[in-house]
Amino acid sequence: MSAYTKALIALSAVTLVMYSSLVATGVWHLVLGPDHLPPFDLRVLGYTYFDARAYLSLLTPEQAALYVGTLRKMDTIFPLLMGLWIGMCLWGVTRNLHPWSRLILLIAPASFTVMDLCENALIAEMVRSGPDALERDLVALASAYTMSKYVTLFVAFGLLLVMIVRTVGATGGKTKP
């Protein structure tokens, strides 16, 4: 087994554990109210100012501390791991491409990482401000980063899928990263 394969397996395991822990913590502690409102990070289609106020009004001080404390730390590590994982996968399945093409493909996972980290900072600011001091512009920006995070993640996975299909089709499934 190559060093690349060993590193990818280890990174896959760590990324999966971090993702599972992050989502489980968010779902168990931060899905709120009778309508089961999900945390901002899990809203693929974003949220409005009124959505944000409704969610923040249900958030207890303990839940707010979790959101901007432990959960935020986990959600700082996760996008770095996920971006690296997708990047490593893309790098491995594109070894027969020109080096510049390979680097260009890494823009999508890097963009996901940046979008997620920016989203986290903006959500932390919203949670700290609370429902009464919440600013419309802040919510609009945070929501845009949330949606952008998902768009860049879907693009990165799409590119990975296309490159896997391309590689398998070109080699008949006989590749070695």
C-alpha atoms as a PDB file:
ATOM      1  CA  MET A   1       0.000   0.000   0.000  1.00  0.00           C
ATOM      2  CA  SER A   2       1.427   3.375  -1.025  1.00  0.00           C
ATOM      3  CA  ALA A   3       2.072   6.226   1.401  1.00  0.00           C
ATOM      4  CA  TYR A   4      -0.635   8.229  -0.419  1.00  0.00           C
ATOM      5  CA  THR A   5      -3.202   5.463   0.122  1.00  0.00           C
ATOM      6  CA  LYS A   6      -2.317   5.131   3.808  1.00  0.00           C
ATOM      7  CA  ALA A   7      -2.539   8.898   4.299  1.00  0.00           C
ATOM      8  CA  LEU A   8      -5.874   9.057   2.456  1.00  0.00           C
ATOM      9  CA  ILE A   9      -7.331   6.240   4.559  1.00  0.00           C
ATOM     10  CA  ALA A  10      -6.209   7.939   7.784  1.00  0.00           C
ATOM     11  CA  LEU A  11      -7.528  11.328   6.631  1.00  0.00           C
ATOM     12  CA  SER A  12     -10.822   9.720   5.578  1.00  0.00           C
ATOM     13  CA  ALA A  13     -11.280   8.173   9.017  1.00  0.00           C
ATOM     14  CA  VAL A  14     -10.444  11.388  10.891  1.00  0.00           C
ATOM     15  CA  THR A  15     -12.687  13.470   8.616  1.00  0.00           C
ATOM     16  CA  LEU A  16     -15.590  11.049   9.000  1.00  0.00           C
ATOM     17  CA  VAL A  17     -15.269  10.994  12.801  1.00  0.00           C
ATOM     18  CA  MET A  18     -15.099  14.809  12.944  1.00  0.00           C
ATOM     19  CA  TYR A  19     -18.099  15.188  10.619  1.00  0.00           C
ATOM     20  CA  SER A  20     -20.151  12.649  12.562  1.00  0.00           C
ATOM     21  CA  SER A  21     -19.316  14.334  15.873  1.00  0.00           C
ATOM     22  CA  LEU A  22     -20.081  17.778  14.491  1.00  0.00           C
ATOM     23  CA  VAL A  23     -23.460  16.857  13.015  1.00  0.00           C
ATOM     24  CA  ALA A  24     -24.462  14.737  16.014  1.00  0.00           C
ATOM     25  CA  THR A  25     -23.632  17.572  18.423  1.00  0.00           C
ATOM     26  CA  GLY A  26     -25.532  20.076  16.298  1.00  0.00           C
ATOM     27  CA  VAL A  27     -28.570  17.848  15.858  1.00  0.00           C
ATOM     28  CA  TRP A  28     -28.734  16.698  19.483  1.00  0.00           C
ATOM     29  CA  HIS A  29     -28.254  20.117  21.066  1.00  0.00           C
ATOM     30  CA  LEU A  30     -29.067  22.806  18.513  1.00  0.00           C
ATOM     31  CA  VAL A  31     -32.220  21.693  16.700  1.00  0.00           C
ATOM     32  CA  LEU A  32     -34.717  23.928  18.461  1.00  0.00           C
ATOM     33  CA  GLY A  33     -38.384  24.428  19.136  1.00  0.00           C
ATOM     34  CA  PRO A  34     -41.525  22.574  18.129  1.00  0.00           C
ATOM     35  CA  ASP A  35     -40.666  23.195  14.453  1.00  0.00           C
ATOM     36  CA  HIS A  36     -37.261  21.524  14.929  1.00  0.00           C
ATOM     37  CA  LEU A  37     -35.312  24.480  13.540  1.00  0.00           C
ATOM     38  CA  PRO A  38     -31.831  23.351  12.479  1.00  0.00           C
ATOM     39  CA  PRO A  39     -28.679  25.309  13.262  1.00  0.00           C
ATOM     40  CA  PHE A  40     -27.699  27.871  10.624  1.00  0.00           C
ATOM     41  CA  ASP A  41     -24.834  25.711   9.338  1.00  0.00           C
ATOM     42  CA  LEU A  42     -27.227  22.956   8.242  1.00  0.00           C
ATOM     43  CA  ARG A  43     -29.570  25.179   6.194  1.00  0.00           C
ATOM     44  CA  VAL A  44     -28.551  24.429   2.616  1.00  0.00           C
ATOM     45  CA  LEU A  45     -30.905  27.068   1.183  1.00  0.00           C
ATOM     46  CA  GLY A  46     -29.874  29.734   3.685  1.00  0.00           C
ATOM     47  CA  TYR A  47     -32.134  31.717   5.991  1.00  0.00           C
ATOM     48  CA  THR A  48     -33.811  35.096   6.314  1.00  0.00           C
ATOM     49  CA  TYR A  49     -33.499  37.727   8.984  1.00  0.00           C
ATOM     50  CA  PHE A  50     -36.792  36.531  10.479  1.00  0.00           C
ATOM     51  CA  ASP A  51     -35.608  32.895  10.411  1.00  0.00           C
ATOM     52  CA  ALA A  52     -32.461  33.940  12.263  1.00  0.00           C
ATOM     53  CA  ARG A  53     -34.379  35.946  14.880  1.00  0.00           C
ATOM     54  CA  ALA A  54     -36.768  33.036  15.459  1.00  0.00           C
ATOM     55  CA  TYR A  55     -33.892  30.598  15.914  1.00  0.00           C
ATOM     56  CA  LEU A  56     -31.867  32.899  18.162  1.00  0.00           C
ATOM     57  CA  SER A  57     -34.897  33.611  20.364  1.00  0.00           C
ATOM     58  CA  LEU A  58     -35.112  29.877  21.139  1.00  0.00           C
ATOM     59  CA  LEU A  59     -31.401  29.502  21.887  1.00  0.00           C
ATOM     60  CA  THR A  60     -30.603  29.187  25.599  1.00  0.00           C
ATOM     61  CA  PRO A  61     -27.381  30.713  26.994  1.00  0.00           C
ATOM     62  CA  GLU A  62     -25.948  27.188  27.350  1.00  0.00           C
ATOM     63  CA  GLN A  63     -26.777  26.343  23.739  1.00  0.00           C
ATOM     64  CA  ALA A  64     -25.313  29.651  22.562  1.00  0.00           C
ATOM     65  CA  ALA A  65     -22.116  28.876  24.480  1.00  0.00           C
ATOM     66  CA  LEU A  66     -21.970  25.441  22.838  1.00  0.00           C
ATOM     67  CA  TYR A  67     -22.582  26.936  19.381  1.00  0.00           C
ATOM     68  CA  VAL A  68     -19.809  29.543  19.616  1.00  0.00           C
ATOM     69  CA  GLY A  69     -17.519  27.385  21.769  1.00  0.00           C
ATOM     70  CA  THR A  70     -17.094  23.648  21.330  1.00  0.00           C
ATOM     71  CA  LEU A  71     -19.122  23.391  18.128  1.00  0.00           C
ATOM     72  CA  ARG A  72     -17.274  26.272  16.496  1.00  0.00           C
ATOM     73  CA  LYS A  73     -13.920  24.699  17.343  1.00  0.00           C
ATOM     74  CA  MET A  74     -15.059  21.444  15.778  1.00  0.00           C
ATOM     75  CA  ASP A  75     -16.418  23.366  12.789  1.00  0.00           C
ATOM     76  CA  THR A  76     -13.075  25.076  12.342  1.00  0.00           C
ATOM     77  CA  ILE A  77     -11.255  21.766  12.111  1.00  0.00           C
ATOM     78  CA  PHE A  78     -13.835  20.034   9.903  1.00  0.00           C
ATOM     79  CA  PRO A  79     -13.703  22.298   6.806  1.00  0.00           C
ATOM     80  CA  LEU A  80      -9.921  22.081   6.851  1.00  0.00           C
ATOM     81  CA  LEU A  81     -10.110  18.284   6.960  1.00  0.00           C
ATOM     82  CA  MET A  82     -12.842  18.098   4.317  1.00  0.00           C
ATOM     83  CA  GLY A  83     -11.056  20.478   1.947  1.00  0.00           C
ATOM     84  CA  LEU A  84      -7.844  18.509   2.352  1.00  0.00           C
ATOM     85  CA  TRP A  85      -9.669  15.194   1.856  1.00  0.00           C
ATOM     86  CA  ILE A  86     -11.391  16.281  -1.363  1.00  0.00           C
ATOM     87  CA  GLY A  87      -8.137  17.831  -2.544  1.00  0.00           C
ATOM     88  CA  MET A  88      -6.204  14.621  -1.883  1.00  0.00           C
ATOM     89  CA  CYS A  89      -8.849  12.576  -3.682  1.00  0.00           C
ATOM     90  CA  LEU A  90      -8.757  14.928  -6.685  1.00  0.00           C
ATOM     91  CA  TRP A  91      -4.966  14.899  -6.701  1.00  0.00           C
ATOM     92  CA  GLY A  92      -4.903  11.119  -6.651  1.00  0.00           C
ATOM     93  CA  VAL A  93      -7.333  10.568  -9.521  1.00  0.00           C
ATOM     94  CA  THR A  94      -5.799  13.237 -11.771  1.00  0.00           C
ATOM     95  CA  ARG A  95      -2.165  12.197 -11.771  1.00  0.00           C
ATOM     96  CA  ASN A  96      -2.184  11.911 -15.574  1.00  0.00           C
ATOM     97  CA  LEU A  97      -3.358  15.503 -16.053  1.00  0.00           C
ATOM     98  CA  HIS A  98      -1.105  18.513 -16.575  1.00  0.00           C
ATOM     99  CA  PRO A  99       0.084  19.881 -13.198  1.00  0.00           C
ATOM    100  CA  TRP A 100      -1.657  23.237 -13.788  1.00  0.00           C
ATOM    101  CA  SER A 101      -4.944  21.475 -14.475  1.00  0.00           C
ATOM    102  CA  ARG A 102      -4.558  19.533 -11.258  1.00  0.00           C
ATOM    103  CA  LEU A 103      -3.930  22.740  -9.305  1.00  0.00           C
ATOM    104  CA  ILE A 104      -6.944  24.439 -10.870  1.00  0.00           C
ATOM    105  CA  LEU A 105      -9.146  21.544  -9.745  1.00  0.00           C
ATOM    106  CA  LEU A 106      -8.067  22.242  -6.153  1.00  0.00           C
ATOM    107  CA  ILE A 107      -9.795  25.643  -6.250  1.00  0.00           C
ATOM    108  CA  ALA A 108     -13.188  24.040  -5.492  1.00  0.00           C
ATOM    109  CA  PRO A 109     -12.200  22.278  -2.234  1.00  0.00           C
ATOM    110  CA  ALA A 110     -10.174  25.318  -1.162  1.00  0.00           C
ATOM    111  CA  SER A 111     -13.196  27.546  -1.844  1.00  0.00           C
ATOM    112  CA  PHE A 112     -15.389  25.277   0.256  1.00  0.00           C
ATOM    113  CA  THR A 113     -12.938  25.571   3.141  1.00  0.00           C
ATOM    114  CA  VAL A 114     -12.855  29.370   2.933  1.00  0.00           C
ATOM    115  CA  MET A 115     -16.653  29.669   2.634  1.00  0.00           C
ATOM    116  CA  ASP A 116     -17.221  27.404   5.653  1.00  0.00           C
ATOM    117  CA  LEU A 117     -14.693  29.226   7.834  1.00  0.00           C
ATOM    118  CA  CYS A 118     -16.175  32.630   6.917  1.00  0.00           C
ATOM    119  CA  GLU A 119     -19.681  31.302   7.552  1.00  0.00           C
ATOM    120  CA  ASN A 120     -18.612  30.108  10.998  1.00  0.00           C
ATOM    121  CA  ALA A 121     -17.246  33.526  11.952  1.00  0.00           C
ATOM    122  CA  LEU A 122     -20.436  35.269  10.806  1.00  0.00           C
ATOM    123  CA  ILE A 123     -22.715  32.795  12.587  1.00  0.00           C
ATOM    124  CA  ALA A 124     -20.714  33.241  15.795  1.00  0.00           C
ATOM    125  CA  GLU A 125     -21.258  36.992  15.480  1.00  0.00           C
ATOM    126  CA  MET A 126     -25.015  36.457  15.005  1.00  0.00           C
ATOM    127  CA  VAL A 127     -25.234  34.142  18.025  1.00  0.00           C
ATOM    128  CA  ARG A 128     -23.279  36.571  20.202  1.00  0.00           C
ATOM    129  CA  SER A 129     -25.491  39.483  19.155  1.00  0.00           C
ATOM    130  CA  GLY A 130     -28.711  37.643  20.026  1.00  0.00           C
ATOM    131  CA  PRO A 131     -32.139  38.201  18.474  1.00  0.00           C
ATOM    132  CA  ASP A 132     -32.617  41.775  19.677  1.00  0.00           C
ATOM    133  CA  ALA A 133     -29.337  43.243  18.373  1.00  0.00           C
ATOM    134  CA  LEU A 134     -29.255  41.166  15.190  1.00  0.00           C
ATOM    135  CA  GLU A 135     -28.489  43.150  12.037  1.00  0.00           C
ATOM    136  CA  ARG A 136     -30.134  42.375   8.711  1.00  0.00           C
ATOM    137  CA  ASP A 137     -26.908  42.827   6.743  1.00  0.00           C
ATOM    138  CA  LEU A 138     -25.081  40.359   8.976  1.00  0.00           C
ATOM    139  CA  VAL A 139     -27.788  37.725   8.478  1.00  0.00           C
ATOM    140  CA  ALA A 140     -27.804  38.267   4.702  1.00  0.00           C
ATOM    141  CA  LEU A 141     -24.029  37.892   4.539  1.00  0.00           C
ATOM    142  CA  ALA A 142     -23.950  34.822   6.790  1.00  0.00           C
ATOM    143  CA  SER A 143     -26.745  33.191   4.797  1.00  0.00           C
ATOM    144  CA  ALA A 144     -24.910  33.902   1.537  1.00  0.00           C
ATOM    145  CA  TYR A 145     -21.796  32.211   2.924  1.00  0.00           C
ATOM    146  CA  THR A 146     -23.873  29.234   4.073  1.00  0.00           C
ATOM    147  CA  MET A 147     -25.316  28.768   0.592  1.00  0.00           C
ATOM    148  CA  SER A 148     -21.912  29.369  -1.024  1.00  0.00           C
ATOM    149  CA  LYS A 149     -20.394  26.742   1.240  1.00  0.00           C
ATOM    150  CA  TYR A 150     -22.833  24.155  -0.065  1.00  0.00           C
ATOM    151  CA  VAL A 151     -22.452  25.251  -3.698  1.00  0.00           C
ATOM    152  CA  THR A 152     -18.663  24.947  -3.534  1.00  0.00           C
ATOM    153  CA  LEU A 153     -18.944  21.600  -1.733  1.00  0.00           C
ATOM    154  CA  PHE A 154     -21.311  20.239  -4.401  1.00  0.00           C
ATOM    155  CA  VAL A 155     -19.011  21.549  -7.156  1.00  0.00           C
ATOM    156  CA  ALA A 156     -15.995  19.922  -5.484  1.00  0.00           C
ATOM    157  CA  PHE A 157     -17.800  16.577  -5.188  1.00  0.00           C
ATOM    158  CA  GLY A 158     -19.032  16.923  -8.764  1.00  0.00           C
ATOM    159  CA  LEU A 159     -15.509  17.486 -10.018  1.00  0.00           C
ATOM    160  CA  LEU A 160     -14.295  14.523  -8.009  1.00  0.00           C
ATOM    161  CA  LEU A 161     -17.014  12.316  -9.493  1.00  0.00           C
ATOM    162  CA  VAL A 162     -16.229  13.493 -13.032  1.00  0.00           C
ATOM    163  CA  MET A 163     -12.509  12.860 -12.523  1.00  0.00           C
ATOM    164  CA  ILE A 164     -13.164   9.393 -11.084  1.00  0.00           C
ATOM    165  CA  VAL A 165     -15.408   8.486 -14.027  1.00  0.00           C
ATOM    166  CA  ARG A 166     -12.859   9.952 -16.465  1.00  0.00           C
ATOM    167  CA  THR A 167      -9.984   8.052 -14.883  1.00  0.00           C
ATOM    168  CA  VAL A 168     -11.858   4.751 -14.677  1.00  0.00           C
ATOM    169  CA  GLY A 169     -13.079   5.159 -18.259  1.00  0.00           C
ATOM    170  CA  ALA A 170      -9.610   5.989 -19.594  1.00  0.00           C
ATOM    171  CA  THR A 171      -7.836   3.158 -17.787  1.00  0.00           C
ATOM    172  CA  GLY A 172     -10.514   0.522 -17.475  1.00  0.00           C
ATOM    173  CA  GLY A 173     -10.332   0.900 -13.678  1.00  0.00           C
ATOM    174  CA  LYS A 174      -6.591   0.130 -13.478  1.00  0.00           C
ATOM    175  CA  THR A 175      -5.143   3.135 -11.673  1.00  0.00           C
ATOM    176  CA  LYS A 176      -2.650   3.553  -8.885  1.00  0.00           C
ATOM    177  CA  PRO A 177      -2.470   6.995  -7.214  1.00  0.00           C
END
